Structure formats: structure tokens, C-alpha cells
Amino acid sequence: MIATYASYARKDTRAPLRSMVVQTITCLVLVSLSLLVHGTAILIVLGLSVSGAAAAAACHLMVRMWRTLGRRGTQRLTPSLLRFIAGAVIMAVPAWLCAGAVSRCAGPKVGMLAAALVGVTVYVAVEKLLRSPEMEWLSGGLRQVLARAQRTPAERRMVRVTLPAITKPTFTERSRGQAW
């Protein structure tokens, strides 16, 4: 995501588009593997397919960025990528177990929904425990949205504009003929 913003900031819209093509093709190829498995293993294959495709696109875009930027950057890709992979792998197990247990009781659709909710919850918790800067950005953005939502409708409509203070000229400025 950051590499996409960096590409846009450098007026490069082609690199993110090409990376999205890589992600789409990778996802389609990996999702087709779900036809070979049965039961709740389908969820694991689908989850890993989407995660793997996103990782492939991120790597593709970062390699393109490294070529144009050189070694001057301050942020490292490897820790972020490792946190992403750890979150994806750790969330797969509880999501799979939840999908199996819930789908036996309430059906496959409810099982998928429950597995998705458990997967998202576990992934966010893992990223938060690993102190991912992306999660800090997300929580900061959510705090802003919640703060806006708690305002009254009148406060939302109010435009806050701070104008500079207008001071009256002193007597000496008036006597010199300076405009007010």
C-alpha cells in the first residue's frame, strides 16, 4: 500500500497497475487450486491464495520501486512483509477450525462468515501484538472517524475558519497617512 502511494507521489501510475495485474493473475491461478480440495480446506486455499497474491504484488511493486529509488530509503520492506506473512499464517488455523465447527452446526454459509470474522480478528490482533505501523495508522484513522461521528449534526455543519486578528491602527499610524 505504501509503495502504491509512493508510486503515485512520483507521478508513476503504471507500476501499481502492473502490480495489480500480477496480483490478479496470481490470485486466479492460486484460487483455481481450491477446485482440488474439499471441505473446510477450501477456505485455507482461498485465504492463502489471496494473501499470496497480495504478497506477490507487493514484492513486484517494491522491486520496481527499489530500482528507481536506490538505497536511500528509511523504511524496510522485510519486517513489514514478515509481519504480514505471520499474521496470514497464524489466522489460517483458527479460521479453519472455526469454519469446520460452525459449518457442522449452522451450515457452510454461516461457517464461512464466522471463519472470516475470526480470521480478521486474529489477523488484526497479531498485527497489533507485533506493533505493526500499519495498524497504528489504521487505528488513528478509525479514531478520527469515530470522533467525527460523535459530533452533533450542528457541529458537523459548522465550518471552522480562523481569521487573523484585525487591529485598529494607532494614532501615530493615522497621522502619518497610512491606510487602515
C-alpha atoms as a PDB file:
ATOM      1  CA  MET A   1       0.000   0.000   0.000  1.00  0.00           C
ATOM      2  CA  ILE A   2       2.787   2.405   0.885  1.00  0.00           C
ATOM      3  CA  ALA A   3       4.627   1.542  -2.314  1.00  0.00           C
ATOM      4  CA  THR A   4       1.472   2.355  -4.275  1.00  0.00           C
ATOM      5  CA  TYR A   5       1.244   5.773  -2.630  1.00  0.00           C
ATOM      6  CA  ALA A   6       4.951   6.312  -3.230  1.00  0.00           C
ATOM      7  CA  SER A   7       4.489   5.472  -6.904  1.00  0.00           C
ATOM      8  CA  TYR A   8       1.627   7.923  -7.201  1.00  0.00           C
ATOM      9  CA  ALA A   9       3.668  10.594  -5.439  1.00  0.00           C
ATOM     10  CA  ARG A  10       6.394  10.084  -8.046  1.00  0.00           C
ATOM     11  CA  LYS A  11       3.751  10.516 -10.798  1.00  0.00           C
ATOM     12  CA  ASP A  12       4.060   6.831 -11.742  1.00  0.00           C
ATOM     13  CA  THR A  13       0.656   5.221 -12.282  1.00  0.00           C
ATOM     14  CA  ARG A  14       1.857   2.350 -14.448  1.00  0.00           C
ATOM     15  CA  ALA A  15       3.822   0.454 -11.793  1.00  0.00           C
ATOM     16  CA  PRO A  16       0.856  -0.014  -9.404  1.00  0.00           C
ATOM     17  CA  LEU A  17      -1.334  -1.040 -12.344  1.00  0.00           C
ATOM     18  CA  ARG A  18       1.185  -3.649 -13.432  1.00  0.00           C
ATOM     19  CA  SER A  19       1.428  -4.933  -9.863  1.00  0.00           C
ATOM     20  CA  MET A  20      -2.353  -5.260  -9.708  1.00  0.00           C
ATOM     21  CA  VAL A  21      -2.211  -7.319 -12.912  1.00  0.00           C
ATOM     22  CA  VAL A  22       0.406  -9.560 -11.247  1.00  0.00           C
ATOM     23  CA  GLN A  23      -1.855  -9.852  -8.192  1.00  0.00           C
ATOM     24  CA  THR A  24      -4.920 -10.719 -10.281  1.00  0.00           C
ATOM     25  CA  ILE A  25      -3.171 -13.376 -12.349  1.00  0.00           C
ATOM     26  CA  THR A  26      -1.503 -14.894  -9.276  1.00  0.00           C
ATOM     27  CA  CYS A  27      -4.801 -14.936  -7.387  1.00  0.00           C
ATOM     28  CA  LEU A  28      -6.662 -16.587 -10.276  1.00  0.00           C
ATOM     29  CA  VAL A  29      -4.006 -19.268 -10.621  1.00  0.00           C
ATOM     30  CA  LEU A  30      -3.881 -19.971  -6.879  1.00  0.00           C
ATOM     31  CA  VAL A  31      -7.672 -19.837  -6.389  1.00  0.00           C
ATOM     32  CA  SER A  32      -8.060 -22.475  -9.098  1.00  0.00           C
ATOM     33  CA  LEU A  33      -6.240 -24.840  -6.734  1.00  0.00           C
ATOM     34  CA  SER A  34      -9.318 -24.743  -4.488  1.00  0.00           C
ATOM     35  CA  LEU A  35     -11.039 -26.987  -7.039  1.00  0.00           C
ATOM     36  CA  LEU A  36      -8.683 -29.776  -5.983  1.00  0.00           C
ATOM     37  CA  VAL A  37      -9.607 -29.761  -2.278  1.00  0.00           C
ATOM     38  CA  HIS A  38     -12.826 -30.393  -0.363  1.00  0.00           C
ATOM     39  CA  GLY A  39     -14.481 -29.224   2.832  1.00  0.00           C
ATOM     40  CA  THR A  40     -13.024 -26.529   5.019  1.00  0.00           C
ATOM     41  CA  ALA A  41      -9.639 -26.868   3.288  1.00  0.00           C
ATOM     42  CA  ILE A  42     -11.193 -24.727   0.548  1.00  0.00           C
ATOM     43  CA  LEU A  43     -11.164 -21.779   2.956  1.00  0.00           C
ATOM     44  CA  ILE A  44      -7.482 -22.239   3.683  1.00  0.00           C
ATOM     45  CA  VAL A  45      -6.616 -22.435  -0.009  1.00  0.00           C
ATOM     46  CA  LEU A  46      -8.709 -19.351  -0.774  1.00  0.00           C
ATOM     47  CA  GLY A  47      -7.212 -17.367   2.113  1.00  0.00           C
ATOM     48  CA  LEU A  48      -3.666 -18.333   1.243  1.00  0.00           C
ATOM     49  CA  SER A  49      -4.364 -17.576  -2.424  1.00  0.00           C
ATOM     50  CA  VAL A  50      -5.465 -14.036  -1.699  1.00  0.00           C
ATOM     51  CA  SER A  51      -2.615 -13.500   0.767  1.00  0.00           C
ATOM     52  CA  GLY A  52      -0.050 -14.972  -1.608  1.00  0.00           C
ATOM     53  CA  ALA A  53      -1.307 -12.857  -4.496  1.00  0.00           C
ATOM     54  CA  ALA A  54      -1.134  -9.697  -2.374  1.00  0.00           C
ATOM     55  CA  ALA A  55       2.397 -10.600  -1.283  1.00  0.00           C
ATOM     56  CA  ALA A  56       3.441 -11.243  -4.903  1.00  0.00           C
ATOM     57  CA  ALA A  57       2.062  -7.860  -5.993  1.00  0.00           C
ATOM     58  CA  ALA A  58       3.746  -6.107  -3.069  1.00  0.00           C
ATOM     59  CA  CYS A  59       7.086  -7.725  -3.899  1.00  0.00           C
ATOM     60  CA  HIS A  60       6.687  -6.854  -7.586  1.00  0.00           C
ATOM     61  CA  LEU A  61       5.983  -3.206  -6.808  1.00  0.00           C
ATOM     62  CA  MET A  62       8.778  -2.953  -4.229  1.00  0.00           C
ATOM     63  CA  VAL A  63      11.325  -4.382  -6.651  1.00  0.00           C
ATOM     64  CA  ARG A  64      10.274  -1.756  -9.196  1.00  0.00           C
ATOM     65  CA  MET A  65      10.499   0.957  -6.529  1.00  0.00           C
ATOM     66  CA  TRP A  66      13.955  -0.178  -5.401  1.00  0.00           C
ATOM     67  CA  ARG A  67      15.209   0.089  -8.960  1.00  0.00           C
ATOM     68  CA  THR A  68      14.113   3.706  -9.225  1.00  0.00           C
ATOM     69  CA  LEU A  69      14.922   4.840  -5.675  1.00  0.00           C
ATOM     70  CA  GLY A  70      18.215   3.164  -4.972  1.00  0.00           C
ATOM     71  CA  ARG A  71      19.268   2.603  -1.355  1.00  0.00           C
ATOM     72  CA  ARG A  72      18.241   5.955   0.117  1.00  0.00           C
ATOM     73  CA  GLY A  73      15.015   4.796   1.859  1.00  0.00           C
ATOM     74  CA  THR A  74      14.397   4.812   5.598  1.00  0.00           C
ATOM     75  CA  GLN A  75      11.692   2.111   5.737  1.00  0.00           C
ATOM     76  CA  ARG A  76      12.464  -1.567   5.265  1.00  0.00           C
ATOM     77  CA  LEU A  77      10.180  -3.978   3.413  1.00  0.00           C
ATOM     78  CA  THR A  78      11.308  -7.195   5.061  1.00  0.00           C
ATOM     79  CA  PRO A  79       9.921  -6.552   8.591  1.00  0.00           C
ATOM     80  CA  SER A  80       6.577  -5.437   7.189  1.00  0.00           C
ATOM     81  CA  LEU A  81       6.400  -8.422   4.845  1.00  0.00           C
ATOM     82  CA  LEU A  82       7.303 -10.832   7.661  1.00  0.00           C
ATOM     83  CA  ARG A  83       4.579  -9.351   9.905  1.00  0.00           C
ATOM     84  CA  PHE A  84       2.086  -9.719   7.047  1.00  0.00           C
ATOM     85  CA  ILE A  85       3.039 -13.358   6.424  1.00  0.00           C
ATOM     86  CA  ALA A  86       2.991 -14.171  10.159  1.00  0.00           C
ATOM     87  CA  GLY A  87      -0.487 -12.679  10.521  1.00  0.00           C
ATOM     88  CA  ALA A  88      -1.777 -14.593   7.487  1.00  0.00           C
ATOM     89  CA  VAL A  89      -0.334 -17.926   8.636  1.00  0.00           C
ATOM     90  CA  ILE A  90      -1.447 -17.539  12.261  1.00  0.00           C
ATOM     91  CA  MET A  91      -5.002 -16.519  11.303  1.00  0.00           C
ATOM     92  CA  ALA A  92      -5.412 -19.519   8.988  1.00  0.00           C
ATOM     93  CA  VAL A  93      -5.539 -22.088  11.794  1.00  0.00           C
ATOM     94  CA  PRO A  94      -8.307 -20.506  13.930  1.00  0.00           C
ATOM     95  CA  ALA A  95     -10.295 -19.593  10.808  1.00  0.00           C
ATOM     96  CA  TRP A  96     -10.094 -23.177   9.554  1.00  0.00           C
ATOM     97  CA  LEU A  97     -11.079 -24.644  12.924  1.00  0.00           C
ATOM     98  CA  CYS A  98     -13.950 -22.175  13.254  1.00  0.00           C
ATOM     99  CA  ALA A  99     -15.185 -22.907   9.728  1.00  0.00           C
ATOM    100  CA  GLY A 100     -15.252 -26.638  10.431  1.00  0.00           C
ATOM    101  CA  ALA A 101     -17.011 -26.339  13.780  1.00  0.00           C
ATOM    102  CA  VAL A 102     -19.592 -23.750  12.766  1.00  0.00           C
ATOM    103  CA  SER A 103     -20.400 -25.259   9.372  1.00  0.00           C
ATOM    104  CA  ARG A 104     -21.252 -28.589  11.038  1.00  0.00           C
ATOM    105  CA  CYS A 105     -23.712 -26.836  13.359  1.00  0.00           C
ATOM    106  CA  ALA A 106     -25.118 -23.965  11.303  1.00  0.00           C
ATOM    107  CA  GLY A 107     -24.275 -24.726   7.683  1.00  0.00           C
ATOM    108  CA  PRO A 108     -21.469 -23.790   5.291  1.00  0.00           C
ATOM    109  CA  LYS A 109     -22.514 -20.167   4.670  1.00  0.00           C
ATOM    110  CA  VAL A 110     -22.585 -19.317   8.363  1.00  0.00           C
ATOM    111  CA  GLY A 111     -19.330 -21.254   8.779  1.00  0.00           C
ATOM    112  CA  MET A 112     -17.634 -19.136   6.106  1.00  0.00           C
ATOM    113  CA  LEU A 113     -18.898 -15.922   7.671  1.00  0.00           C
ATOM    114  CA  ALA A 114     -17.744 -16.993  11.135  1.00  0.00           C
ATOM    115  CA  ALA A 115     -14.355 -18.068   9.756  1.00  0.00           C
ATOM    116  CA  ALA A 116     -13.937 -14.701   8.035  1.00  0.00           C
ATOM    117  CA  LEU A 117     -14.759 -12.820  11.229  1.00  0.00           C
ATOM    118  CA  VAL A 118     -12.405 -14.976  13.287  1.00  0.00           C
ATOM    119  CA  GLY A 119      -9.679 -14.632  10.643  1.00  0.00           C
ATOM    120  CA  VAL A 120      -9.927 -10.845  10.540  1.00  0.00           C
ATOM    121  CA  THR A 121      -9.974 -10.620  14.330  1.00  0.00           C
ATOM    122  CA  VAL A 122      -6.936 -12.872  14.731  1.00  0.00           C
ATOM    123  CA  TYR A 123      -5.034 -11.091  11.935  1.00  0.00           C
ATOM    124  CA  VAL A 124      -5.661  -7.651  13.443  1.00  0.00           C
ATOM    125  CA  ALA A 125      -4.699  -8.934  16.910  1.00  0.00           C
ATOM    126  CA  VAL A 126      -1.454 -10.447  15.595  1.00  0.00           C
ATOM    127  CA  GLU A 127      -0.549  -7.257  13.750  1.00  0.00           C
ATOM    128  CA  LYS A 128      -1.333  -5.211  16.870  1.00  0.00           C
ATOM    129  CA  LEU A 129       0.809  -7.507  19.043  1.00  0.00           C
ATOM    130  CA  LEU A 130       3.666  -7.201  16.545  1.00  0.00           C
ATOM    131  CA  ARG A 131       3.266  -3.399  16.756  1.00  0.00           C
ATOM    132  CA  SER A 132       2.751  -3.023  13.055  1.00  0.00           C
ATOM    133  CA  PRO A 133       2.925   0.641  11.994  1.00  0.00           C
ATOM    134  CA  GLU A 134       0.126  -0.030   9.529  1.00  0.00           C
ATOM    135  CA  MET A 135      -2.172  -0.956  12.404  1.00  0.00           C
ATOM    136  CA  GLU A 136      -1.237   2.288  14.160  1.00  0.00           C
ATOM    137  CA  TRP A 137      -2.233   4.185  11.010  1.00  0.00           C
ATOM    138  CA  LEU A 138      -5.490   2.245  10.814  1.00  0.00           C
ATOM    139  CA  SER A 139      -6.371   2.815  14.471  1.00  0.00           C
ATOM    140  CA  GLY A 140      -5.504   6.528  14.150  1.00  0.00           C
ATOM    141  CA  GLY A 141      -7.801   6.838  11.144  1.00  0.00           C
ATOM    142  CA  LEU A 142     -10.587   4.993  12.957  1.00  0.00           C
ATOM    143  CA  ARG A 143     -10.219   7.325  15.949  1.00  0.00           C
ATOM    144  CA  GLN A 144     -10.684  10.316  13.638  1.00  0.00           C
ATOM    145  CA  VAL A 145     -13.768   8.769  12.040  1.00  0.00           C
ATOM    146  CA  LEU A 146     -15.282   7.961  15.439  1.00  0.00           C
ATOM    147  CA  ALA A 147     -14.535  11.463  16.711  1.00  0.00           C
ATOM    148  CA  ARG A 148     -16.342  12.937  13.695  1.00  0.00           C
ATOM    149  CA  ALA A 149     -19.282  10.574  14.171  1.00  0.00           C
ATOM    150  CA  GLN A 150     -19.704  11.640  17.807  1.00  0.00           C
ATOM    151  CA  ARG A 151     -20.172  15.302  16.866  1.00  0.00           C
ATOM    152  CA  THR A 152     -23.684  16.678  16.755  1.00  0.00           C
ATOM    153  CA  PRO A 153     -25.157  17.495  13.342  1.00  0.00           C
ATOM    154  CA  ALA A 154     -24.775  21.222  14.053  1.00  0.00           C
ATOM    155  CA  GLU A 155     -21.076  20.768  14.806  1.00  0.00           C
ATOM    156  CA  ARG A 156     -20.589  18.799  11.580  1.00  0.00           C
ATOM    157  CA  ARG A 157     -22.105  21.609   9.520  1.00  0.00           C
ATOM    158  CA  MET A 158     -20.073  24.268  11.278  1.00  0.00           C
ATOM    159  CA  VAL A 159     -17.068  25.412   9.314  1.00  0.00           C
ATOM    160  CA  ARG A 160     -14.155  26.279  11.498  1.00  0.00           C
ATOM    161  CA  VAL A 161     -12.217  29.125   9.953  1.00  0.00           C
ATOM    162  CA  THR A 162      -9.660  31.085  11.902  1.00  0.00           C
ATOM    163  CA  LEU A 163      -9.201  34.594  10.601  1.00  0.00           C
ATOM    164  CA  PRO A 164      -6.260  36.760  11.529  1.00  0.00           C
ATOM    165  CA  ALA A 165      -6.992  39.375  14.129  1.00  0.00           C
ATOM    166  CA  ILE A 166      -7.736  42.850  12.802  1.00  0.00           C
ATOM    167  CA  THR A 167      -6.245  45.584  14.889  1.00  0.00           C
ATOM    168  CA  LYS A 168      -7.058  49.233  14.763  1.00  0.00           C
ATOM    169  CA  PRO A 169      -4.184  51.461  13.773  1.00  0.00           C
ATOM    170  CA  THR A 170      -2.699  53.598  16.451  1.00  0.00           C
ATOM    171  CA  PHE A 171      -2.994  57.365  16.428  1.00  0.00           C
ATOM    172  CA  THR A 172       0.557  57.758  15.085  1.00  0.00           C
ATOM    173  CA  GLU A 173      -0.169  55.477  12.111  1.00  0.00           C
ATOM    174  CA  ARG A 174      -3.279  57.513  11.257  1.00  0.00           C
ATOM    175  CA  SER A 175      -1.397  60.792  11.445  1.00  0.00           C
ATOM    176  CA  ARG A 176       1.241  59.501   9.012  1.00  0.00           C
ATOM    177  CA  GLY A 177      -1.497  58.841   6.485  1.00  0.00           C
ATOM    178  CA  GLN A 178      -1.107  55.071   6.456  1.00  0.00           C
ATOM    179  CA  ALA A 179      -4.162  53.203   5.297  1.00  0.00           C
ATOM    180  CA  TRP A 180      -6.120  51.200   7.788  1.00  0.00           C
END
